[in-house]
N, C-alpha and C. Protein backbone atom coordinates (compact mmCIF):
# COMPACT_ATOMS: atom_id res chain seq x y z
N MET A 1 -53.39 13.95 43.17
CA MET A 1 -52.83 13.76 41.85
C MET A 1 -53.85 14.26 40.84
N LYS A 2 -53.36 14.93 39.80
CA LYS A 2 -54.23 15.48 38.76
C LYS A 2 -54.76 14.37 37.86
N LEU A 3 -55.85 14.69 37.16
CA LEU A 3 -56.46 13.73 36.24
C LEU A 3 -55.49 13.39 35.11
N THR A 4 -54.75 14.39 34.61
CA THR A 4 -53.81 14.11 33.51
C THR A 4 -52.71 13.16 33.97
N ASP A 5 -52.28 13.31 35.23
CA ASP A 5 -51.27 12.39 35.76
C ASP A 5 -51.81 10.97 35.87
N LYS A 6 -53.07 10.85 36.30
CA LYS A 6 -53.68 9.52 36.39
C LYS A 6 -53.80 8.87 35.02
N LEU A 7 -54.14 9.68 34.00
CA LEU A 7 -54.26 9.15 32.64
C LEU A 7 -52.89 8.74 32.10
N LYS A 8 -51.87 9.53 32.41
CA LYS A 8 -50.51 9.17 31.97
C LYS A 8 -50.12 7.82 32.56
N LEU A 9 -50.40 7.64 33.84
CA LEU A 9 -50.03 6.39 34.51
C LEU A 9 -50.84 5.21 33.97
N LYS A 10 -52.11 5.46 33.70
CA LYS A 10 -52.98 4.37 33.26
C LYS A 10 -52.61 3.88 31.88
N PHE A 11 -52.31 4.81 30.95
CA PHE A 11 -52.10 4.42 29.56
C PHE A 11 -50.62 4.36 29.15
N ASN A 12 -49.73 4.90 29.95
CA ASN A 12 -48.30 4.89 29.61
C ASN A 12 -47.46 4.44 30.80
N LYS A 13 -47.73 3.27 31.31
CA LYS A 13 -47.01 2.80 32.50
C LYS A 13 -45.52 2.62 32.24
N ASN A 14 -45.16 2.38 30.98
CA ASN A 14 -43.74 2.20 30.67
C ASN A 14 -42.99 3.53 30.58
N LYS A 15 -43.71 4.63 30.36
CA LYS A 15 -43.06 5.92 30.17
C LYS A 15 -43.08 6.81 31.41
N TYR A 16 -44.02 6.59 32.32
CA TYR A 16 -44.18 7.45 33.49
C TYR A 16 -44.11 6.64 34.78
N VAL A 17 -43.75 7.33 35.85
CA VAL A 17 -43.65 6.68 37.15
C VAL A 17 -44.24 7.62 38.21
N ARG A 18 -44.94 7.04 39.18
CA ARG A 18 -45.49 7.82 40.28
C ARG A 18 -44.39 8.01 41.32
N VAL A 19 -44.27 9.23 41.82
CA VAL A 19 -43.25 9.55 42.83
C VAL A 19 -43.96 10.00 44.10
N LEU A 20 -43.63 9.35 45.21
CA LEU A 20 -44.15 9.72 46.51
C LEU A 20 -43.01 10.33 47.32
N LEU A 21 -43.20 11.59 47.75
CA LEU A 21 -42.20 12.28 48.58
C LEU A 21 -42.74 12.39 49.99
N VAL A 22 -42.05 11.77 50.94
CA VAL A 22 -42.47 11.78 52.33
C VAL A 22 -41.67 12.86 53.05
N ASN A 23 -42.39 13.81 53.70
CA ASN A 23 -41.67 14.85 54.44
C ASN A 23 -41.52 14.45 55.91
N ASP A 24 -40.88 15.31 56.70
CA ASP A 24 -40.58 14.98 58.10
C ASP A 24 -41.83 14.81 58.96
N THR A 25 -42.93 15.47 58.59
CA THR A 25 -44.15 15.36 59.39
C THR A 25 -44.97 14.13 59.04
N GLY A 26 -44.57 13.39 57.99
CA GLY A 26 -45.28 12.18 57.61
C GLY A 26 -46.23 12.37 56.44
N TYR A 27 -46.40 13.60 55.97
CA TYR A 27 -47.26 13.83 54.82
C TYR A 27 -46.53 13.42 53.55
N MET A 28 -47.32 12.99 52.55
CA MET A 28 -46.73 12.59 51.28
C MET A 28 -47.21 13.49 50.17
N ASN A 29 -46.26 13.92 49.32
CA ASN A 29 -46.59 14.61 48.08
C ASN A 29 -46.50 13.59 46.96
N GLU A 30 -47.52 13.58 46.10
CA GLU A 30 -47.56 12.61 45.02
C GLU A 30 -47.49 13.36 43.69
N THR A 31 -46.61 12.90 42.81
CA THR A 31 -46.50 13.51 41.48
C THR A 31 -46.17 12.41 40.48
N VAL A 32 -46.29 12.73 39.20
CA VAL A 32 -45.97 11.78 38.14
C VAL A 32 -44.89 12.41 37.27
N VAL A 33 -43.84 11.63 36.99
CA VAL A 33 -42.74 12.14 36.16
C VAL A 33 -42.44 11.13 35.06
N LYS A 34 -41.77 11.62 34.02
CA LYS A 34 -41.36 10.76 32.93
C LYS A 34 -40.23 9.85 33.42
N ASN A 35 -40.32 8.60 33.08
CA ASN A 35 -39.35 7.61 33.53
C ASN A 35 -38.18 7.56 32.55
N ASP A 36 -37.17 8.42 32.80
CA ASP A 36 -35.96 8.38 31.98
C ASP A 36 -34.83 7.70 32.73
N GLY A 37 -35.10 7.28 33.97
CA GLY A 37 -34.13 6.53 34.74
C GLY A 37 -32.95 7.34 35.20
N LYS A 38 -33.15 8.66 35.41
CA LYS A 38 -32.00 9.47 35.79
C LYS A 38 -32.31 10.37 36.99
N ILE A 39 -32.75 11.61 36.72
CA ILE A 39 -32.91 12.60 37.79
C ILE A 39 -34.30 13.23 37.72
N ILE A 40 -34.90 13.43 38.89
CA ILE A 40 -36.18 14.13 39.03
C ILE A 40 -35.90 15.43 39.77
N ASN A 41 -36.47 16.53 39.31
CA ASN A 41 -36.38 17.80 40.03
C ASN A 41 -37.76 18.11 40.59
N PHE A 42 -37.82 18.33 41.91
CA PHE A 42 -39.09 18.62 42.57
C PHE A 42 -38.82 19.58 43.72
N LYS A 43 -39.49 20.72 43.73
CA LYS A 43 -39.35 21.74 44.77
C LYS A 43 -37.87 22.12 44.99
N ASN A 44 -37.18 22.43 43.92
CA ASN A 44 -35.78 22.88 43.94
C ASN A 44 -34.81 21.83 44.51
N ASP A 45 -35.20 20.59 44.57
CA ASP A 45 -34.32 19.50 44.99
C ASP A 45 -34.22 18.50 43.84
N SER A 46 -33.09 17.84 43.76
CA SER A 46 -32.89 16.82 42.74
C SER A 46 -32.91 15.45 43.39
N TYR A 47 -33.56 14.53 42.71
CA TYR A 47 -33.66 13.16 43.18
C TYR A 47 -33.22 12.24 42.05
N THR A 48 -32.44 11.24 42.37
CA THR A 48 -31.93 10.33 41.35
C THR A 48 -32.47 8.93 41.57
N PHE A 49 -32.62 8.20 40.47
CA PHE A 49 -33.12 6.83 40.58
C PHE A 49 -32.71 6.04 39.35
N SER A 50 -32.84 4.75 39.43
CA SER A 50 -32.64 3.87 38.27
C SER A 50 -33.84 2.94 38.19
N SER A 51 -33.90 2.17 37.13
CA SER A 51 -35.07 1.30 36.93
C SER A 51 -35.18 0.23 38.02
N LYS A 52 -34.08 -0.15 38.65
CA LYS A 52 -34.14 -1.18 39.70
C LYS A 52 -34.75 -0.64 40.99
N ASP A 53 -34.84 0.69 41.13
CA ASP A 53 -35.43 1.29 42.33
C ASP A 53 -36.95 1.36 42.27
N ILE A 54 -37.52 1.12 41.11
CA ILE A 54 -38.97 1.24 40.93
C ILE A 54 -39.67 0.01 41.50
N ILE A 55 -40.71 0.27 42.28
CA ILE A 55 -41.54 -0.81 42.81
C ILE A 55 -42.92 -0.70 42.16
N ILE A 56 -43.64 -1.80 42.13
CA ILE A 56 -45.00 -1.80 41.57
C ILE A 56 -45.97 -1.76 42.76
N PHE A 57 -46.76 -0.64 42.81
CA PHE A 57 -47.72 -0.46 43.89
C PHE A 57 -49.08 -0.29 43.26
N ASN A 58 -50.02 -1.21 43.55
CA ASN A 58 -51.35 -1.22 42.95
C ASN A 58 -51.28 -1.20 41.42
N GLY A 59 -50.32 -1.93 40.86
CA GLY A 59 -50.20 -2.03 39.41
C GLY A 59 -49.54 -0.82 38.75
N THR A 60 -49.00 0.10 39.55
CA THR A 60 -48.40 1.32 39.02
C THR A 60 -46.93 1.39 39.42
N PRO A 61 -46.04 1.68 38.47
CA PRO A 61 -44.64 1.87 38.83
C PRO A 61 -44.50 3.06 39.78
N THR A 62 -43.83 2.85 40.91
CA THR A 62 -43.78 3.86 41.96
C THR A 62 -42.36 3.98 42.52
N LEU A 63 -42.00 5.21 42.86
CA LEU A 63 -40.76 5.50 43.58
C LEU A 63 -41.13 6.23 44.86
N MET A 64 -40.40 5.98 45.93
CA MET A 64 -40.66 6.66 47.19
C MET A 64 -39.37 7.31 47.68
N PHE A 65 -39.44 8.61 47.93
CA PHE A 65 -38.30 9.37 48.42
C PHE A 65 -38.63 10.01 49.75
N ARG A 66 -37.65 10.18 50.59
CA ARG A 66 -37.79 11.02 51.77
C ARG A 66 -37.36 12.41 51.34
N GLU A 67 -38.18 13.41 51.64
CA GLU A 67 -37.90 14.77 51.18
C GLU A 67 -36.54 15.23 51.70
N GLY A 68 -35.73 15.70 50.77
CA GLY A 68 -34.39 16.18 51.13
C GLY A 68 -33.29 15.17 50.91
N TYR A 69 -33.64 13.94 50.53
CA TYR A 69 -32.63 12.89 50.27
C TYR A 69 -32.75 12.45 48.82
N PRO A 70 -31.63 12.43 48.09
CA PRO A 70 -31.70 12.24 46.64
C PRO A 70 -31.95 10.81 46.18
N LYS A 71 -31.67 9.83 47.00
CA LYS A 71 -31.87 8.44 46.57
C LYS A 71 -33.18 7.92 47.12
N PRO A 72 -33.84 7.03 46.38
CA PRO A 72 -35.14 6.53 46.83
C PRO A 72 -35.02 5.64 48.07
N ILE A 73 -36.12 5.57 48.80
CA ILE A 73 -36.18 4.67 49.96
C ILE A 73 -36.25 3.25 49.40
N ASP A 74 -35.34 2.42 49.84
CA ASP A 74 -35.27 1.05 49.35
C ASP A 74 -36.17 0.18 50.21
N LEU A 75 -37.41 -0.04 49.77
CA LEU A 75 -38.37 -0.83 50.55
C LEU A 75 -38.01 -2.31 50.56
N LYS A 76 -37.22 -2.74 49.58
CA LYS A 76 -36.80 -4.14 49.53
C LYS A 76 -35.75 -4.42 50.59
N ASP A 77 -35.07 -3.34 51.06
CA ASP A 77 -33.98 -3.49 52.04
C ASP A 77 -34.42 -2.93 53.40
N GLY A 78 -35.68 -2.95 53.69
CA GLY A 78 -36.18 -2.51 54.99
C GLY A 78 -36.33 -1.01 55.13
N GLY A 79 -36.37 -0.29 54.03
CA GLY A 79 -36.62 1.16 54.08
C GLY A 79 -35.41 1.98 54.47
N SER A 80 -34.22 1.55 54.09
CA SER A 80 -33.02 2.32 54.45
C SER A 80 -33.00 3.66 53.71
N ILE A 81 -32.47 4.68 54.40
CA ILE A 81 -32.42 6.04 53.86
C ILE A 81 -30.96 6.39 53.60
N PRO A 82 -30.65 6.97 52.45
CA PRO A 82 -29.27 7.31 52.13
C PRO A 82 -28.72 8.42 53.03
N GLU A 83 -27.39 8.52 53.10
CA GLU A 83 -26.73 9.46 54.00
C GLU A 83 -26.64 10.88 53.43
N ILE A 84 -26.57 11.04 52.14
CA ILE A 84 -26.39 12.36 51.52
C ILE A 84 -27.74 13.06 51.38
N THR A 85 -27.75 14.38 51.60
CA THR A 85 -28.99 15.13 51.45
C THR A 85 -29.11 15.63 50.01
N SER A 86 -30.34 16.01 49.63
CA SER A 86 -30.56 16.45 48.25
C SER A 86 -29.86 17.78 47.96
N SER A 87 -29.71 18.65 48.97
CA SER A 87 -28.99 19.91 48.72
C SER A 87 -27.51 19.64 48.47
N GLU A 88 -26.93 18.66 49.20
CA GLU A 88 -25.55 18.27 48.94
C GLU A 88 -25.44 17.65 47.55
N PHE A 89 -26.44 16.86 47.18
CA PHE A 89 -26.45 16.24 45.86
C PHE A 89 -26.55 17.30 44.77
N ASN A 90 -27.43 18.31 44.99
CA ASN A 90 -27.57 19.41 44.03
C ASN A 90 -26.26 20.15 43.85
N SER A 91 -25.57 20.47 44.93
CA SER A 91 -24.31 21.20 44.82
C SER A 91 -23.26 20.35 44.12
N ALA A 92 -23.27 19.03 44.35
CA ALA A 92 -22.32 18.15 43.66
C ALA A 92 -22.59 18.13 42.17
N ILE A 93 -23.87 18.08 41.78
CA ILE A 93 -24.22 18.09 40.36
C ILE A 93 -23.79 19.41 39.74
N ASN A 94 -24.08 20.53 40.42
CA ASN A 94 -23.70 21.84 39.88
C ASN A 94 -22.19 21.96 39.76
N ASN A 95 -21.43 21.46 40.73
CA ASN A 95 -19.97 21.48 40.63
C ASN A 95 -19.49 20.63 39.47
N ASN A 96 -20.15 19.49 39.25
CA ASN A 96 -19.78 18.65 38.11
C ASN A 96 -20.03 19.37 36.80
N VAL A 97 -21.14 20.11 36.71
CA VAL A 97 -21.45 20.85 35.49
C VAL A 97 -20.39 21.91 35.24
N VAL A 98 -20.00 22.64 36.28
CA VAL A 98 -18.96 23.66 36.14
C VAL A 98 -17.65 23.01 35.73
N ARG A 99 -17.30 21.88 36.36
CA ARG A 99 -16.05 21.19 36.03
C ARG A 99 -16.07 20.72 34.58
N ASP A 100 -17.22 20.21 34.12
CA ASP A 100 -17.32 19.76 32.73
C ASP A 100 -17.20 20.93 31.76
N LEU A 101 -17.79 22.08 32.12
CA LEU A 101 -17.65 23.27 31.26
C LEU A 101 -16.20 23.72 31.17
N ILE A 102 -15.50 23.70 32.28
CA ILE A 102 -14.09 24.09 32.28
C ILE A 102 -13.28 23.11 31.45
N LYS A 103 -13.56 21.81 31.60
CA LYS A 103 -12.84 20.80 30.83
C LYS A 103 -13.08 20.97 29.33
N SER A 104 -14.29 21.33 28.95
CA SER A 104 -14.59 21.44 27.53
C SER A 104 -13.88 22.62 26.89
N THR A 105 -13.51 23.64 27.67
CA THR A 105 -12.81 24.78 27.10
C THR A 105 -11.30 24.57 27.08
N GLU A 106 -10.79 23.60 27.82
CA GLU A 106 -9.37 23.31 27.81
C GLU A 106 -8.99 22.63 26.51
N HIS A 107 -7.68 22.73 26.17
CA HIS A 107 -7.20 22.06 24.97
C HIS A 107 -7.27 20.55 25.16
N THR A 108 -7.62 19.88 24.13
CA THR A 108 -7.64 18.43 24.20
C THR A 108 -6.39 17.88 23.54
N LYS A 109 -6.10 16.63 23.79
CA LYS A 109 -4.92 16.01 23.19
C LYS A 109 -5.05 15.96 21.68
N THR A 110 -6.25 15.77 21.18
CA THR A 110 -6.45 15.71 19.74
C THR A 110 -6.04 17.02 19.09
N LEU A 111 -6.45 18.13 19.70
CA LEU A 111 -6.09 19.43 19.16
C LEU A 111 -4.57 19.62 19.21
N ASP A 112 -3.93 19.17 20.28
CA ASP A 112 -2.48 19.27 20.37
C ASP A 112 -1.82 18.45 19.28
N TYR A 113 -2.30 17.22 19.05
CA TYR A 113 -1.71 16.37 18.02
C TYR A 113 -1.89 17.00 16.63
N LEU A 114 -3.05 17.58 16.38
CA LEU A 114 -3.27 18.24 15.09
C LEU A 114 -2.33 19.42 14.91
N THR A 115 -2.11 20.19 15.97
CA THR A 115 -1.19 21.33 15.89
C THR A 115 0.23 20.85 15.63
N TYR A 116 0.68 19.82 16.34
CA TYR A 116 2.03 19.29 16.11
C TYR A 116 2.15 18.74 14.70
N GLY A 117 1.13 18.07 14.22
CA GLY A 117 1.15 17.54 12.85
C GLY A 117 1.24 18.64 11.82
N LEU A 118 0.50 19.71 12.03
CA LEU A 118 0.54 20.84 11.10
C LEU A 118 1.92 21.49 11.09
N ILE A 119 2.52 21.65 12.26
CA ILE A 119 3.87 22.22 12.34
C ILE A 119 4.87 21.31 11.64
N ALA A 120 4.74 19.99 11.83
CA ALA A 120 5.64 19.04 11.18
C ALA A 120 5.48 19.09 9.66
N CYS A 121 4.25 19.21 9.16
CA CYS A 121 4.01 19.30 7.72
C CYS A 121 4.62 20.57 7.14
N ILE A 122 4.44 21.68 7.82
CA ILE A 122 5.02 22.94 7.34
C ILE A 122 6.54 22.85 7.34
N GLY A 123 7.12 22.26 8.41
CA GLY A 123 8.57 22.07 8.47
C GLY A 123 9.05 21.18 7.34
N GLY A 124 8.32 20.10 7.05
CA GLY A 124 8.68 19.20 5.95
C GLY A 124 8.64 19.89 4.60
N ILE A 125 7.64 20.73 4.39
CA ILE A 125 7.54 21.48 3.13
C ILE A 125 8.72 22.43 2.98
N ILE A 126 9.10 23.08 4.07
CA ILE A 126 10.24 24.01 4.02
C ILE A 126 11.53 23.25 3.69
N VAL A 127 11.75 22.10 4.34
CA VAL A 127 12.96 21.30 4.08
C VAL A 127 12.97 20.80 2.63
N LEU A 128 11.82 20.31 2.15
CA LEU A 128 11.75 19.86 0.76
C LEU A 128 12.00 21.00 -0.22
N GLY A 129 11.47 22.17 0.09
CA GLY A 129 11.72 23.33 -0.76
C GLY A 129 13.19 23.70 -0.80
N TYR A 130 13.86 23.65 0.33
CA TYR A 130 15.29 23.95 0.40
C TYR A 130 16.08 22.96 -0.46
N PHE A 131 15.81 21.66 -0.31
CA PHE A 131 16.54 20.66 -1.10
C PHE A 131 16.18 20.78 -2.58
N ASN A 132 14.96 21.16 -2.89
CA ASN A 132 14.57 21.35 -4.27
C ASN A 132 15.39 22.47 -4.91
N PHE A 133 15.57 23.58 -4.21
CA PHE A 133 16.38 24.68 -4.74
C PHE A 133 17.84 24.26 -4.85
N GLN A 134 18.33 23.47 -3.89
CA GLN A 134 19.71 22.98 -3.98
C GLN A 134 19.88 22.10 -5.22
N MET A 135 18.91 21.22 -5.48
CA MET A 135 18.97 20.36 -6.66
C MET A 135 18.89 21.18 -7.93
N LEU A 136 18.09 22.24 -7.91
CA LEU A 136 17.97 23.11 -9.08
C LEU A 136 19.31 23.78 -9.39
N ASP A 137 20.00 24.24 -8.33
CA ASP A 137 21.33 24.82 -8.53
C ASP A 137 22.29 23.78 -9.08
N MET A 138 22.24 22.55 -8.57
CA MET A 138 23.13 21.50 -9.06
C MET A 138 22.83 21.18 -10.51
N LEU A 139 21.54 21.19 -10.89
CA LEU A 139 21.18 20.93 -12.28
C LEU A 139 21.69 22.04 -13.19
N LYS A 140 21.65 23.28 -12.71
CA LYS A 140 22.18 24.39 -13.51
C LYS A 140 23.68 24.22 -13.73
N ILE A 141 24.39 23.85 -12.65
CA ILE A 141 25.84 23.64 -12.75
C ILE A 141 26.13 22.47 -13.68
N GLN A 142 25.37 21.40 -13.59
CA GLN A 142 25.58 20.25 -14.47
C GLN A 142 25.26 20.63 -15.91
N GLY A 143 24.22 21.46 -16.09
CA GLY A 143 23.89 21.93 -17.44
C GLY A 143 25.02 22.74 -18.03
N LEU A 144 25.64 23.61 -17.22
CA LEU A 144 26.77 24.40 -17.71
C LEU A 144 27.96 23.49 -18.01
N THR A 145 28.17 22.50 -17.16
CA THR A 145 29.28 21.56 -17.39
C THR A 145 29.06 20.78 -18.68
N ILE A 146 27.86 20.35 -18.94
CA ILE A 146 27.55 19.61 -20.16
C ILE A 146 27.77 20.51 -21.38
N ASP A 147 27.33 21.78 -21.26
CA ASP A 147 27.55 22.72 -22.37
C ASP A 147 29.04 22.91 -22.64
N GLU A 148 29.85 23.02 -21.57
CA GLU A 148 31.29 23.17 -21.74
C GLU A 148 31.90 21.93 -22.38
N MET A 149 31.39 20.75 -21.97
CA MET A 149 31.90 19.51 -22.56
C MET A 149 31.55 19.43 -24.04
N LYS A 150 30.34 19.86 -24.41
CA LYS A 150 29.95 19.87 -25.82
C LYS A 150 30.85 20.80 -26.61
N ASN A 151 31.10 21.97 -26.03
CA ASN A 151 31.97 22.94 -26.73
C ASN A 151 33.37 22.36 -26.88
N THR A 152 33.87 21.69 -25.85
CA THR A 152 35.22 21.10 -25.93
C THR A 152 35.25 20.01 -26.97
N ILE A 153 34.21 19.18 -27.01
CA ILE A 153 34.16 18.09 -27.99
C ILE A 153 34.07 18.68 -29.39
N ASP A 154 33.28 19.72 -29.57
CA ASP A 154 33.17 20.36 -30.89
C ASP A 154 34.51 20.95 -31.33
N THR A 155 35.21 21.61 -30.40
CA THR A 155 36.52 22.18 -30.76
C THR A 155 37.52 21.08 -31.07
N MET A 156 37.47 20.00 -30.34
CA MET A 156 38.41 18.91 -30.59
C MET A 156 38.10 18.23 -31.93
N SER A 157 36.81 18.10 -32.22
CA SER A 157 36.45 17.47 -33.50
C SER A 157 36.85 18.39 -34.66
N ASN A 158 36.74 19.69 -34.47
CA ASN A 158 37.16 20.63 -35.52
C ASN A 158 38.70 20.59 -35.67
N PHE A 159 39.39 20.42 -34.60
CA PHE A 159 40.85 20.39 -34.63
C PHE A 159 41.37 19.11 -35.26
N VAL A 160 40.68 17.99 -35.04
CA VAL A 160 41.09 16.70 -35.58
C VAL A 160 40.86 16.71 -37.09
N ARG A 161 39.94 17.33 -37.64
CA ARG A 161 39.66 17.35 -39.04
C ARG A 161 40.67 18.05 -39.75
């Protein structure tokens, strides 16, 4: 382990965690990573963990993985090893990323609702405009009728005199 990693662990135990990777021959690789409680990438493999998987070893937060397996070795449960390999886990993550990208480019329901609302508003404006012109024509006809009535009343009043 590098001196900078040791200093990170010594002064920032809440932010960093020591990771021990055990390979098939029994050798361990030791590294220090930021404790974000999600995924560690090491030697082109992805490893996942949560805060409940962390053990305290010699006063240092520690995770232990078997090389090639994405979940930590659970020392509290007798050292059980998960069934999925890290390459399978990597391909699942990559497929999820592709699926999420495809989903983000598809139309969402919100966009559909906005489009339907816009079409309904335009249709409403057209219908209101049509009725407005119909009312305008009716007002013109009523105006002409009123003018004719005034003329008739004027002629009748002139005739009565």
